[in-house]
Each structure stands twice: as C-alpha cells, then as structure tokens.
C-alpha atoms as a PDB file:
ATOM      1  CA  MET A   1      63.169 201.779 275.712  1.00  0.00           C
ATOM      2  CA  GLY A   2      60.386 202.266 278.234  1.00  0.00           C
ATOM      3  CA  LYS A   3      62.637 204.045 280.736  1.00  0.00           C
ATOM      4  CA  PRO A   4      61.121 207.125 282.424  1.00  0.00           C
ATOM      5  CA  PRO A   5      63.207 210.247 281.801  1.00  0.00           C
ATOM      6  CA  ALA A   6      64.726 211.949 284.816  1.00  0.00           C
ATOM      7  CA  ARG A   7      62.275 214.844 284.790  1.00  0.00           C
ATOM      8  CA  ASN A   8      59.387 212.482 285.581  1.00  0.00           C
ATOM      9  CA  THR A   9      60.954 210.986 288.700  1.00  0.00           C
ATOM     10  CA  LYS A  10      60.493 212.173 292.270  1.00  0.00           C
ATOM     11  CA  VAL A  11      63.189 214.431 293.706  1.00  0.00           C
ATOM     12  CA  MET A  12      64.577 212.547 296.694  1.00  0.00           C
ATOM     13  CA  ASN A  13      67.242 213.058 299.368  1.00  0.00           C
ATOM     14  CA  ARG A  14      70.758 211.645 298.998  1.00  0.00           C
ATOM     15  CA  PHE A  15      71.286 210.840 302.686  1.00  0.00           C
ATOM     16  CA  ASP A  16      67.918 209.088 302.915  1.00  0.00           C
ATOM     17  CA  LEU A  17      68.655 206.984 299.829  1.00  0.00           C
ATOM     18  CA  THR A  18      72.177 206.182 301.024  1.00  0.00           C
ATOM     19  CA  SER A  19      70.779 205.089 304.389  1.00  0.00           C
ATOM     20  CA  ARG A  20      68.258 202.851 302.625  1.00  0.00           C
ATOM     21  CA  LEU A  21      71.088 201.247 300.644  1.00  0.00           C
ATOM     22  CA  VAL A  22      73.337 200.684 303.668  1.00  0.00           C
ATOM     23  CA  ALA A  23      70.453 199.091 305.595  1.00  0.00           C
ATOM     24  CA  LYS A  24      70.222 196.397 302.914  1.00  0.00           C
ATOM     25  CA  LEU A  25      73.905 195.418 302.973  1.00  0.00           C
ATOM     26  CA  LYS A  26      74.227 192.138 304.890  1.00  0.00           C
ATOM     27  CA  LYS A  27      77.083 190.305 303.131  1.00  0.00           C
ATOM     28  CA  GLU A  28      80.083 192.639 303.443  1.00  0.00           C
ATOM     29  CA  GLU A  29      79.318 194.285 300.126  1.00  0.00           C
ATOM     30  CA  ALA A  30      81.877 196.895 299.093  1.00  0.00           C
ATOM     31  CA  VAL A  31      80.714 200.481 298.576  1.00  0.00           C
ATOM     32  CA  VAL A  32      82.783 203.141 296.819  1.00  0.00           C
ATOM     33  CA  GLY A  33      81.599 206.670 297.595  1.00  0.00           C
ATOM     34  CA  GLY A  34      82.420 209.418 295.122  1.00  0.00           C
ATOM     35  CA  ILE A  35      83.976 212.674 296.279  1.00  0.00           C
ATOM     36  CA  GLY A  36      82.212 215.290 298.345  1.00  0.00           C
ATOM     37  CA  ASN A  37      78.648 215.006 299.569  1.00  0.00           C
ATOM     38  CA  THR A  38      78.229 211.493 298.184  1.00  0.00           C
ATOM     39  CA  ASN A  39      80.800 210.051 300.552  1.00  0.00           C
ATOM     40  CA  PHE A  40      79.890 212.420 303.391  1.00  0.00           C
ATOM     41  CA  ASP A  41      76.437 210.835 303.368  1.00  0.00           C
ATOM     42  CA  LEU A  42      77.911 207.332 303.032  1.00  0.00           C
ATOM     43  CA  TRP A  43      80.038 207.965 306.120  1.00  0.00           C
ATOM     44  CA  ALA A  44      77.059 209.333 308.064  1.00  0.00           C
ATOM     45  CA  ALA A  45      74.723 206.524 306.975  1.00  0.00           C
ATOM     46  CA  GLY A  46      76.748 203.953 308.890  1.00  0.00           C
ATOM     47  CA  HIS A  47      80.482 203.492 308.683  1.00  0.00           C
ATOM     48  CA  ARG A  48      81.600 200.050 307.478  1.00  0.00           C
ATOM     49  CA  PRO A  49      85.132 198.768 306.820  1.00  0.00           C
ATOM     50  CA  GLN A  50      83.940 197.783 303.336  1.00  0.00           C
ATOM     51  CA  ASN A  51      83.283 201.451 302.480  1.00  0.00           C
ATOM     52  CA  PHE A  52      85.841 203.367 300.435  1.00  0.00           C
ATOM     53  CA  TYR A  53      85.642 207.149 300.724  1.00  0.00           C
ATOM     54  CA  MET A  54      87.197 208.962 297.776  1.00  0.00           C
ATOM     55  CA  LEU A  55      89.151 212.187 298.242  1.00  0.00           C
ATOM     56  CA  GLY A  56      89.965 214.574 295.393  1.00  0.00           C
ATOM     57  CA  SER A  57      89.476 212.084 292.545  1.00  0.00           C
ATOM     58  CA  MET A  58      86.440 213.414 290.725  1.00  0.00           C
ATOM     59  CA  GLY A  59      84.784 211.020 288.318  1.00  0.00           C
ATOM     60  CA  LEU A  60      86.549 207.860 289.449  1.00  0.00           C
ATOM     61  CA  ALA A  61      83.992 206.136 291.695  1.00  0.00           C
ATOM     62  CA  PHE A  62      82.735 203.860 288.920  1.00  0.00           C
ATOM     63  CA  PRO A  63      86.238 202.989 287.601  1.00  0.00           C
ATOM     64  CA  ILE A  64      87.529 202.233 291.121  1.00  0.00           C
ATOM     65  CA  ALA A  65      84.464 200.090 291.838  1.00  0.00           C
ATOM     66  CA  LEU A  66      85.023 198.301 288.521  1.00  0.00           C
ATOM     67  CA  GLY A  67      88.526 197.357 289.662  1.00  0.00           C
ATOM     68  CA  VAL A  68      87.222 196.045 292.982  1.00  0.00           C
ATOM     69  CA  ALA A  69      84.463 194.076 291.220  1.00  0.00           C
ATOM     70  CA  LEU A  70      86.940 192.453 288.836  1.00  0.00           C
ATOM     71  CA  ALA A  71      89.403 191.668 291.643  1.00  0.00           C
ATOM     72  CA  GLN A  72      86.727 190.124 293.897  1.00  0.00           C
ATOM     73  CA  PRO A  73      84.059 188.651 291.606  1.00  0.00           C
ATOM     74  CA  GLU A  74      82.235 186.926 294.471  1.00  0.00           C
ATOM     75  CA  ARG A  75      81.665 190.209 296.331  1.00  0.00           C
ATOM     76  CA  ARG A  76      78.835 192.572 295.402  1.00  0.00           C
ATOM     77  CA  VAL A  77      80.232 196.049 294.768  1.00  0.00           C
ATOM     78  CA  PHE A  78      78.277 199.310 294.787  1.00  0.00           C
ATOM     79  CA  ALA A  79      79.474 202.682 293.528  1.00  0.00           C
ATOM     80  CA  LEU A  80      77.874 206.006 294.430  1.00  0.00           C
ATOM     81  CA  GLU A  81      78.575 208.948 292.138  1.00  0.00           C
ATOM     82  CA  GLY A  82      77.253 212.434 291.444  1.00  0.00           C
ATOM     83  CA  ASP A  83      76.083 213.617 288.046  1.00  0.00           C
ATOM     84  CA  GLY A  84      78.897 216.164 287.717  1.00  0.00           C
ATOM     85  CA  SER A  85      81.533 213.567 288.496  1.00  0.00           C
ATOM     86  CA  LEU A  86      80.080 210.999 286.099  1.00  0.00           C
ATOM     87  CA  LEU A  87      80.010 213.578 283.309  1.00  0.00           C
ATOM     88  CA  MET A  88      83.799 213.894 283.701  1.00  0.00           C
ATOM     89  CA  GLN A  89      84.296 210.183 283.082  1.00  0.00           C
ATOM     90  CA  LEU A  90      81.499 209.029 280.768  1.00  0.00           C
ATOM     91  CA  GLY A  91      83.886 206.700 278.944  1.00  0.00           C
ATOM     92  CA  CYS A  92      83.889 204.386 281.949  1.00  0.00           C
ATOM     93  CA  LEU A  93      80.313 203.371 281.083  1.00  0.00           C
ATOM     94  CA  SER A  94      81.475 201.836 277.793  1.00  0.00           C
ATOM     95  CA  THR A  95      84.322 200.034 279.548  1.00  0.00           C
ATOM     96  CA  ILE A  96      82.004 198.615 282.209  1.00  0.00           C
ATOM     97  CA  ALA A  97      79.492 197.536 279.553  1.00  0.00           C
ATOM     98  CA  THR A  98      82.259 195.770 277.633  1.00  0.00           C
ATOM     99  CA  LEU A  99      83.726 193.946 280.660  1.00  0.00           C
ATOM    100  CA  LYS A 100      80.258 193.118 282.095  1.00  0.00           C
ATOM    101  CA  PRO A 101      81.157 192.425 285.749  1.00  0.00           C
ATOM    102  CA  LYS A 102      78.110 190.636 287.100  1.00  0.00           C
ATOM    103  CA  ASN A 103      78.695 191.926 290.640  1.00  0.00           C
ATOM    104  CA  LEU A 104      78.834 195.698 290.005  1.00  0.00           C
ATOM    105  CA  SER A 105      75.931 198.014 290.799  1.00  0.00           C
ATOM    106  CA  MET A 106      76.166 201.773 290.314  1.00  0.00           C
ATOM    107  CA  ILE A 107      74.042 204.648 291.584  1.00  0.00           C
ATOM    108  CA  VAL A 108      74.226 208.130 290.085  1.00  0.00           C
ATOM    109  CA  MET A 109      72.896 210.895 292.332  1.00  0.00           C
ATOM    110  CA  ASP A 110      71.677 213.575 289.937  1.00  0.00           C
ATOM    111  CA  ASN A 111      70.829 217.020 291.299  1.00  0.00           C
ATOM    112  CA  GLY A 112      71.825 218.867 288.151  1.00  0.00           C
ATOM    113  CA  ILE A 113      74.520 220.945 289.858  1.00  0.00           C
ATOM    114  CA  TYR A 114      78.179 220.916 290.811  1.00  0.00           C
ATOM    115  CA  GLN A 115      77.160 221.260 294.433  1.00  0.00           C
ATOM    116  CA  ILE A 116      80.517 221.455 296.212  1.00  0.00           C
ATOM    117  CA  THR A 117      81.945 224.199 293.993  1.00  0.00           C
ATOM    118  CA  GLY A 118      79.015 226.623 294.058  1.00  0.00           C
ATOM    119  CA  ALA A 119      75.936 224.944 292.559  1.00  0.00           C
ATOM    120  CA  GLN A 120      76.792 225.656 288.930  1.00  0.00           C
ATOM    121  CA  PRO A 121      74.373 223.716 286.666  1.00  0.00           C
ATOM    122  CA  THR A 122      75.645 220.528 285.023  1.00  0.00           C
ATOM    123  CA  PRO A 123      74.656 219.473 281.489  1.00  0.00           C
ATOM    124  CA  ALA A 124      72.455 216.858 283.180  1.00  0.00           C
ATOM    125  CA  ALA A 125      70.256 219.701 284.415  1.00  0.00           C
ATOM    126  CA  ALA A 126      68.897 220.537 280.982  1.00  0.00           C
ATOM    127  CA  ALA A 127      70.170 218.327 278.185  1.00  0.00           C
ATOM    128  CA  THR A 128      71.839 215.056 279.172  1.00  0.00           C
ATOM    129  CA  ASP A 129      69.865 212.057 280.400  1.00  0.00           C
ATOM    130  CA  LEU A 130      72.551 209.971 282.111  1.00  0.00           C
ATOM    131  CA  ILE A 131      70.484 206.784 282.045  1.00  0.00           C
ATOM    132  CA  ALA A 132      69.904 207.143 278.310  1.00  0.00           C
ATOM    133  CA  VAL A 133      73.668 207.640 277.908  1.00  0.00           C
ATOM    134  CA  ALA A 134      74.365 204.488 279.952  1.00  0.00           C
ATOM    135  CA  ILE A 135      71.928 202.442 277.880  1.00  0.00           C
ATOM    136  CA  GLY A 136      73.538 203.790 274.713  1.00  0.00           C
ATOM    137  CA  CYS A 137      76.921 202.647 276.052  1.00  0.00           C
ATOM    138  CA  GLY A 138      75.569 199.110 276.439  1.00  0.00           C
ATOM    139  CA  LEU A 139      74.514 199.122 280.099  1.00  0.00           C
ATOM    140  CA  THR A 140      71.017 197.919 279.249  1.00  0.00           C
ATOM    141  CA  ASN A 141      70.137 197.183 282.890  1.00  0.00           C
ATOM    142  CA  SER A 142      69.900 200.906 283.697  1.00  0.00           C
ATOM    143  CA  SER A 143      66.888 202.869 284.889  1.00  0.00           C
ATOM    144  CA  TRP A 144      65.707 205.872 286.864  1.00  0.00           C
ATOM    145  CA  ALA A 145      64.216 205.177 290.276  1.00  0.00           C
ATOM    146  CA  ALA A 146      60.741 206.703 290.289  1.00  0.00           C
ATOM    147  CA  ASP A 147      60.594 207.175 294.079  1.00  0.00           C
ATOM    148  CA  GLU A 148      61.996 205.744 297.322  1.00  0.00           C
ATOM    149  CA  GLU A 149      59.992 202.523 297.060  1.00  0.00           C
ATOM    150  CA  ASP A 150      61.174 201.975 293.507  1.00  0.00           C
ATOM    151  CA  PHE A 151      64.765 202.702 294.604  1.00  0.00           C
ATOM    152  CA  GLU A 152      64.551 199.976 297.259  1.00  0.00           C
ATOM    153  CA  ARG A 153      63.107 197.580 294.688  1.00  0.00           C
ATOM    154  CA  LEU A 154      65.989 198.304 292.327  1.00  0.00           C
ATOM    155  CA  ILE A 155      68.540 197.811 295.121  1.00  0.00           C
ATOM    156  CA  ASP A 156      66.967 194.441 295.973  1.00  0.00           C
ATOM    157  CA  GLU A 157      67.162 193.514 292.299  1.00  0.00           C
ATOM    158  CA  SER A 158      70.775 194.641 292.072  1.00  0.00           C
ATOM    159  CA  LEU A 159      71.833 192.458 295.010  1.00  0.00           C
ATOM    160  CA  ASN A 160      71.125 189.422 292.825  1.00  0.00           C
ATOM    161  CA  ALA A 161      71.865 190.855 289.379  1.00  0.00           C
ATOM    162  CA  THR A 162      74.021 188.906 286.949  1.00  0.00           C
ATOM    163  CA  GLU A 163      75.095 191.927 284.909  1.00  0.00           C
ATOM    164  CA  PRO A 164      76.170 195.481 285.710  1.00  0.00           C
ATOM    165  CA  MET A 165      73.290 197.642 286.890  1.00  0.00           C
ATOM    166  CA  LEU A 166      73.006 201.430 286.968  1.00  0.00           C
ATOM    167  CA  ILE A 167      70.335 203.203 288.996  1.00  0.00           C
ATOM    168  CA  GLY A 168      69.696 206.902 288.471  1.00  0.00           C
ATOM    169  CA  VAL A 169      68.111 208.976 291.211  1.00  0.00           C
ATOM    170  CA  ARG A 170      67.098 212.614 291.167  1.00  0.00           C
ATOM    171  CA  ILE A 171      68.090 214.304 294.394  1.00  0.00           C
ATOM    172  CA  ASP A 172      67.618 217.664 296.056  1.00  0.00           C
ATOM    173  CA  ASP A 173      70.391 220.164 296.745  1.00  0.00           C
ATOM    174  CA  LYS A 174      70.657 219.532 300.500  1.00  0.00           C
ATOM    175  CA  PRO A 175      74.289 219.461 301.697  1.00  0.00           C
ATOM    176  CA  GLY A 176      75.944 216.261 302.815  1.00  0.00           C
ATOM    177  CA  THR A 177      75.393 214.962 306.327  1.00  0.00           C
ATOM    178  CA  GLY A 178      78.588 215.210 308.357  1.00  0.00           C
ATOM    179  CA  ALA A 179      82.011 214.887 306.775  1.00  0.00           C
ATOM    180  CA  THR A 180      84.428 212.083 306.040  1.00  0.00           C
ATOM    181  CA  ARG A 181      87.589 211.897 308.142  1.00  0.00           C
ATOM    182  CA  ARG A 182      90.149 212.972 305.562  1.00  0.00           C
ATOM    183  CA  ASP A 183      92.985 210.533 306.155  1.00  0.00           C
ATOM    184  CA  PRO A 184      93.843 208.793 302.852  1.00  0.00           C
ATOM    185  CA  VAL A 185      96.153 206.175 304.397  1.00  0.00           C
ATOM    186  CA  GLN A 186      93.617 205.239 307.047  1.00  0.00           C
ATOM    187  CA  ILE A 187      90.824 205.046 304.457  1.00  0.00           C
ATOM    188  CA  ARG A 188      92.926 202.752 302.256  1.00  0.00           C
ATOM    189  CA  GLU A 189      94.099 200.501 305.075  1.00  0.00           C
ATOM    190  CA  ARG A 190      90.630 200.126 306.578  1.00  0.00           C
ATOM    191  CA  PHE A 191      89.158 199.278 303.173  1.00  0.00           C
ATOM    192  CA  MET A 192      91.845 196.672 302.476  1.00  0.00           C
ATOM    193  CA  LEU A 193      91.130 195.084 305.849  1.00  0.00           C
ATOM    194  CA  GLY A 194      87.415 195.173 305.090  1.00  0.00           C
ATOM    195  CA  LEU A 195      87.958 193.355 301.803  1.00  0.00           C
ATOM    196  CA  GLY A 196      90.171 190.759 303.406  1.00  0.00           C
ATOM    197  CA  VAL A 197      93.255 191.588 301.368  1.00  0.00           C
ATOM    198  CA  ARG A 198      95.286 192.747 304.335  1.00  0.00           C
ATOM    199  CA  GLU A 199      95.527 191.353 307.873  1.00  0.00           C
ATOM    200  CA  ALA A 200      95.377 193.530 310.947  1.00  0.00           C
ATOM    201  CA  LEU A 201      98.755 194.089 312.547  1.00  0.00           C
END
C-alpha cells in the first residue's frame, strides 16, 4: 500500500494541528469535533458558527459529519475524532466508503489512550493501525501525516478532494486547550445558523 505505519510518524500536538486546519478554512466549511479534548481544542482554535461541538456522544463524529456532507454536498465537511472514539464506531468507515461523499474529510487524532477517562491504552496503542483499517474498509484515500508540513499538505489536498479522505495523526497526551461551553441547544442552534438551514430570529 505504501502508507507509513503510525509508529513511523512524528508525534504532534492536537491543538497545533487543529489550529493549522482552522487557519485554512475560508469557505464556511463545516467542522464536527468529537467529544472531549478534540472539541475543546476546536473551540480554542477559533470559534466559528460552522463548528459543531459534540457532547457525550462518543464515536459519532464521523457519522454526524457524514450526515452533514450528504445533506449539503456543495459544502466541504471535516470531522475530528480521537482513536478511542473511532474504535467504538469502526463500522462507520464501511458506510462512508460505500456512500462515497466527495466533500467529507476526516481526521483521527491518535494518542493511543482514552485520555479523558484516565489514559487507559486503546487497542490503537499496540495492535490496530486505524489507517490500515480504513483502507481495508474501502477508504483508499487514507494516510498518516508524517509531520506538520505533511499534515498541511494533506489538508490542502482534502479541500479539493473528490472522494472521502481520512488523515491519521499521532498526537501527544497534552490535555485540551480550554473547554467547550456545554449548552447543547445553543450549540445546535448556532450550527444550524452557520449552515444556513435556520434564520436568526
């Protein structure tokens, strides 16, 4: 396959990578942030009305982003997920590969631990290569980012991709930056406004 395994990639920082992503978003792209530190860093990297911050729904960032991508095929949609969360919902990779939304890009932040609940190791720490799993599910446009420069290159590529794209990044165990305001109704309403499916009152 020619894809570098996770152990050969640089260990990077989630907030830094999230900030690099947000800096490249110029066309009201939607971003779905998975639970916990993933969306804490998304919030801190620069709040946008097109960001959706998940609360208490582990493993559903990719499925929710799939729904947004199918509903708004002209909008680029990004999903940010942790390795532990993705392991809970691996079946979504097969569904995404089957439906092939051309506007969906996914990023899995792999630090090999369930960080929020006490840093217990995930299967991705020792045995499971999530990019190899994604490729096996049919998401052939999947690869590990070797370093920050390679991550930015892959993001640039994903902004114009014509098939689903999954980028894997190895990250450190630093805690999230800040915290999301935990108001589910406000999060939903702001996101709907940001996607143009609801008008401001």
